[in-house]
Amino acid sequence: MSLEGLLNGILNFFTFVIFARVILSFIVPLMGARPHPIVISIASLVNQITEPILGPIRRILPSFGGMDFSPMVVLIILILLGEVVKAAL
């Protein structure tokens, strides 16, 4: 496996996990007071993976009335990093 393939794989993984976090943030509250334990486990794992990336961005961004735009900012950064990887290698 080439370095470019490895870096693209890592970037794609984080893109997928961030999209999963956004989707789960809408689904879990809709499940009511007692979501299924498997859904809770998946949401917890996704949060543990993404929080080290989203947390610092969230602290930098100003408050937008309860809306969290940190996933969008991180996705833009991941896209830009992907383009840099393509250009550099």
N, C-alpha and C. Protein backbone atom coordinates (compact mmCIF):
# COMPACT_ATOMS: atom_id res chain seq x y z
N MET A 1 0.84 -1.17 0.00
CA MET A 1 0.00 0.00 0.00
C MET A 1 0.89 1.24 0.00
N SER A 2 0.54 2.18 -0.83
CA SER A 2 1.34 3.39 -0.94
C SER A 2 0.99 4.37 0.19
N LEU A 3 1.87 5.32 0.39
CA LEU A 3 1.65 6.34 1.40
C LEU A 3 0.40 7.15 1.08
N GLU A 4 0.21 7.46 -0.19
CA GLU A 4 -0.98 8.22 -0.61
C GLU A 4 -2.25 7.44 -0.30
N GLY A 5 -2.23 6.15 -0.56
CA GLY A 5 -3.39 5.32 -0.27
C GLY A 5 -3.69 5.25 1.21
N LEU A 6 -2.65 5.14 2.01
CA LEU A 6 -2.82 5.08 3.46
C LEU A 6 -3.40 6.39 3.99
N LEU A 7 -2.84 7.52 3.56
CA LEU A 7 -3.34 8.82 4.02
C LEU A 7 -4.78 9.06 3.56
N ASN A 8 -5.08 8.69 2.32
CA ASN A 8 -6.45 8.83 1.83
C ASN A 8 -7.41 7.93 2.62
N GLY A 9 -6.96 6.74 2.97
CA GLY A 9 -7.78 5.84 3.78
C GLY A 9 -8.08 6.42 5.15
N ILE A 10 -7.08 7.02 5.78
CA ILE A 10 -7.28 7.65 7.09
C ILE A 10 -8.24 8.83 6.97
N LEU A 11 -8.04 9.67 5.95
CA LEU A 11 -8.94 10.81 5.76
C LEU A 11 -10.37 10.35 5.47
N ASN A 12 -10.53 9.31 4.67
CA ASN A 12 -11.86 8.78 4.38
C ASN A 12 -12.51 8.19 5.63
N PHE A 13 -11.72 7.52 6.46
CA PHE A 13 -12.25 6.95 7.70
C PHE A 13 -12.79 8.07 8.59
N PHE A 14 -12.00 9.13 8.80
CA PHE A 14 -12.47 10.21 9.66
C PHE A 14 -13.67 10.94 9.06
N THR A 15 -13.71 11.07 7.74
CA THR A 15 -14.88 11.67 7.09
C THR A 15 -16.12 10.83 7.36
N PHE A 16 -16.00 9.52 7.21
CA PHE A 16 -17.13 8.62 7.47
C PHE A 16 -17.58 8.71 8.92
N VAL A 17 -16.64 8.70 9.86
CA VAL A 17 -16.99 8.70 11.28
C VAL A 17 -17.64 10.04 11.67
N ILE A 18 -17.19 11.14 11.10
CA ILE A 18 -17.81 12.43 11.41
C ILE A 18 -19.23 12.48 10.86
N PHE A 19 -19.44 11.97 9.65
CA PHE A 19 -20.80 11.89 9.12
C PHE A 19 -21.67 11.00 10.00
N ALA A 20 -21.11 9.90 10.49
CA ALA A 20 -21.85 9.02 11.38
C ALA A 20 -22.24 9.75 12.66
N ARG A 21 -21.34 10.55 13.20
CA ARG A 21 -21.64 11.30 14.43
C ARG A 21 -22.77 12.29 14.19
N VAL A 22 -22.74 12.97 13.07
CA VAL A 22 -23.81 13.94 12.76
C VAL A 22 -25.15 13.21 12.64
N ILE A 23 -25.17 12.10 11.93
CA ILE A 23 -26.42 11.35 11.75
C ILE A 23 -26.91 10.81 13.09
N LEU A 24 -26.01 10.26 13.89
CA LEU A 24 -26.40 9.73 15.20
C LEU A 24 -26.91 10.84 16.13
N SER A 25 -26.39 12.04 15.98
CA SER A 25 -26.85 13.14 16.84
C SER A 25 -28.30 13.48 16.57
N PHE A 26 -28.81 13.13 15.39
CA PHE A 26 -30.22 13.32 15.09
C PHE A 26 -31.05 12.09 15.45
N ILE A 27 -30.50 10.91 15.27
CA ILE A 27 -31.25 9.67 15.47
C ILE A 27 -31.46 9.36 16.95
N VAL A 28 -30.42 9.45 17.76
CA VAL A 28 -30.51 9.04 19.17
C VAL A 28 -31.60 9.80 19.91
N PRO A 29 -31.72 11.12 19.79
CA PRO A 29 -32.82 11.79 20.50
C PRO A 29 -34.21 11.38 20.01
N LEU A 30 -34.33 10.98 18.76
CA LEU A 30 -35.62 10.56 18.23
C LEU A 30 -36.06 9.19 18.76
N MET A 31 -35.13 8.45 19.33
CA MET A 31 -35.45 7.11 19.82
C MET A 31 -36.14 7.13 21.17
N GLY A 32 -36.32 8.29 21.76
CA GLY A 32 -37.03 8.38 23.03
C GLY A 32 -36.09 8.29 24.21
N ALA A 33 -36.68 8.00 25.36
CA ALA A 33 -35.93 8.00 26.61
C ALA A 33 -34.98 6.83 26.73
N ARG A 34 -35.27 5.72 26.06
CA ARG A 34 -34.43 4.52 26.22
C ARG A 34 -34.02 3.96 24.86
N PRO A 35 -33.00 4.56 24.22
CA PRO A 35 -32.52 4.01 22.95
C PRO A 35 -31.93 2.62 23.16
N HIS A 36 -31.87 1.87 22.10
CA HIS A 36 -31.31 0.52 22.15
C HIS A 36 -29.86 0.58 22.61
N PRO A 37 -29.43 -0.36 23.45
CA PRO A 37 -28.05 -0.35 23.96
C PRO A 37 -26.98 -0.42 22.86
N ILE A 38 -27.27 -1.09 21.76
CA ILE A 38 -26.30 -1.16 20.67
C ILE A 38 -26.11 0.22 20.03
N VAL A 39 -27.21 0.95 19.88
CA VAL A 39 -27.11 2.30 19.31
C VAL A 39 -26.32 3.20 20.25
N ILE A 40 -26.54 3.06 21.54
CA ILE A 40 -25.79 3.85 22.53
C ILE A 40 -24.31 3.50 22.46
N SER A 41 -23.99 2.21 22.32
CA SER A 41 -22.58 1.79 22.23
C SER A 41 -21.92 2.35 20.98
N ILE A 42 -22.61 2.30 19.86
CA ILE A 42 -22.06 2.83 18.61
C ILE A 42 -21.86 4.33 18.73
N ALA A 43 -22.85 5.04 19.27
CA ALA A 43 -22.73 6.49 19.43
C ALA A 43 -21.57 6.84 20.36
N SER A 44 -21.41 6.07 21.41
CA SER A 44 -20.30 6.32 22.34
C SER A 44 -18.95 6.12 21.66
N LEU A 45 -18.81 5.05 20.88
CA LEU A 45 -17.57 4.79 20.16
C LEU A 45 -17.27 5.90 19.16
N VAL A 46 -18.28 6.30 18.41
CA VAL A 46 -18.11 7.37 17.42
C VAL A 46 -17.71 8.67 18.11
N ASN A 47 -18.34 8.96 19.26
CA ASN A 47 -17.99 10.18 19.99
C ASN A 47 -16.55 10.13 20.51
N GLN A 48 -16.11 8.98 20.97
CA GLN A 48 -14.74 8.85 21.46
C GLN A 48 -13.72 9.04 20.34
N ILE A 49 -14.07 8.59 19.14
CA ILE A 49 -13.15 8.73 18.00
C ILE A 49 -13.09 10.18 17.52
N THR A 50 -14.24 10.84 17.48
CA THR A 50 -14.29 12.17 16.86
C THR A 50 -14.04 13.33 17.82
N GLU A 51 -14.26 13.14 19.10
CA GLU A 51 -14.13 14.27 20.04
C GLU A 51 -12.72 14.88 20.07
N PRO A 52 -11.63 14.08 19.98
CA PRO A 52 -10.31 14.72 19.95
C PRO A 52 -10.10 15.65 18.75
N ILE A 53 -10.85 15.44 17.70
CA ILE A 53 -10.74 16.30 16.52
C ILE A 53 -11.72 17.47 16.60
N LEU A 54 -12.96 17.17 16.99
CA LEU A 54 -14.00 18.20 17.01
C LEU A 54 -13.89 19.14 18.21
N GLY A 55 -13.42 18.65 19.34
CA GLY A 55 -13.35 19.46 20.55
C GLY A 55 -12.55 20.75 20.40
N PRO A 56 -11.31 20.67 19.90
CA PRO A 56 -10.54 21.91 19.74
C PRO A 56 -11.18 22.90 18.76
N ILE A 57 -11.78 22.39 17.70
CA ILE A 57 -12.45 23.27 16.74
C ILE A 57 -13.66 23.93 17.40
N ARG A 58 -14.40 23.17 18.19
CA ARG A 58 -15.58 23.68 18.88
C ARG A 58 -15.20 24.81 19.85
N ARG A 59 -14.04 24.68 20.49
CA ARG A 59 -13.60 25.73 21.42
C ARG A 59 -13.21 27.01 20.69
N ILE A 60 -12.73 26.88 19.45
CA ILE A 60 -12.31 28.05 18.68
C ILE A 60 -13.50 28.78 18.07
N LEU A 61 -14.50 28.02 17.59
CA LEU A 61 -15.65 28.63 16.92
C LEU A 61 -16.51 29.41 17.91
N PRO A 62 -17.07 30.52 17.46
CA PRO A 62 -18.01 31.25 18.32
C PRO A 62 -19.33 30.47 18.44
N SER A 63 -20.12 30.80 19.43
CA SER A 63 -21.41 30.14 19.64
C SER A 63 -22.41 30.62 18.60
N PHE A 64 -23.16 29.68 18.04
CA PHE A 64 -24.17 30.02 17.04
C PHE A 64 -25.56 29.60 17.52
N GLY A 65 -25.88 29.93 18.75
CA GLY A 65 -27.22 29.63 19.26
C GLY A 65 -27.50 28.15 19.41
N GLY A 66 -26.55 27.39 19.86
CA GLY A 66 -26.76 25.96 20.08
C GLY A 66 -26.42 25.08 18.88
N MET A 67 -26.13 25.67 17.75
CA MET A 67 -25.75 24.88 16.57
C MET A 67 -24.25 24.61 16.61
N ASP A 68 -23.88 23.36 16.35
CA ASP A 68 -22.48 22.96 16.36
C ASP A 68 -21.99 22.82 14.92
N PHE A 69 -21.16 23.76 14.50
CA PHE A 69 -20.63 23.74 13.14
C PHE A 69 -19.25 23.11 13.06
N SER A 70 -18.75 22.57 14.17
CA SER A 70 -17.42 21.98 14.15
C SER A 70 -17.31 20.79 13.18
N PRO A 71 -18.33 19.92 13.03
CA PRO A 71 -18.17 18.86 12.03
C PRO A 71 -18.00 19.39 10.61
N MET A 72 -18.72 20.46 10.28
CA MET A 72 -18.59 21.04 8.94
C MET A 72 -17.19 21.60 8.72
N VAL A 73 -16.65 22.28 9.73
CA VAL A 73 -15.31 22.85 9.61
C VAL A 73 -14.28 21.73 9.45
N VAL A 74 -14.41 20.66 10.25
CA VAL A 74 -13.46 19.55 10.16
C VAL A 74 -13.58 18.85 8.81
N LEU A 75 -14.79 18.69 8.30
CA LEU A 75 -14.94 18.06 6.98
C LEU A 75 -14.28 18.90 5.89
N ILE A 76 -14.41 20.21 5.97
CA ILE A 76 -13.73 21.08 5.00
C ILE A 76 -12.22 20.92 5.11
N ILE A 77 -11.72 20.87 6.33
CA ILE A 77 -10.28 20.68 6.54
C ILE A 77 -9.83 19.33 5.98
N LEU A 78 -10.63 18.28 6.20
CA LEU A 78 -10.27 16.95 5.67
C LEU A 78 -10.25 16.94 4.14
N ILE A 79 -11.20 17.64 3.53
CA ILE A 79 -11.21 17.72 2.07
C ILE A 79 -9.96 18.45 1.57
N LEU A 80 -9.63 19.55 2.23
CA LEU A 80 -8.43 20.30 1.83
C LEU A 80 -7.16 19.45 2.03
N LEU A 81 -7.09 18.71 3.14
CA LEU A 81 -5.94 17.83 3.37
C LEU A 81 -5.84 16.75 2.29
N GLY A 82 -6.98 16.23 1.88
CA GLY A 82 -7.00 15.24 0.80
C GLY A 82 -6.45 15.81 -0.49
N GLU A 83 -6.80 17.04 -0.79
CA GLU A 83 -6.28 17.68 -1.99
C GLU A 83 -4.77 17.92 -1.89
N VAL A 84 -4.31 18.30 -0.70
CA VAL A 84 -2.87 18.50 -0.50
C VAL A 84 -2.13 17.19 -0.68
N VAL A 85 -2.68 16.10 -0.15
CA VAL A 85 -2.05 14.79 -0.30
C VAL A 85 -1.96 14.40 -1.77
N LYS A 86 -3.06 14.63 -2.51
CA LYS A 86 -3.05 14.30 -3.94
C LYS A 86 -2.00 15.11 -4.69
N ALA A 87 -1.89 16.39 -4.36
CA ALA A 87 -0.94 17.25 -5.05
C ALA A 87 0.50 16.94 -4.68
N ALA A 88 0.73 16.56 -3.42
CA ALA A 88 2.09 16.34 -2.94
C ALA A 88 2.65 15.00 -3.37
N LEU A 89 1.80 14.00 -3.49
CA LEU A 89 2.31 12.65 -3.80
C LEU A 89 2.01 12.23 -5.19
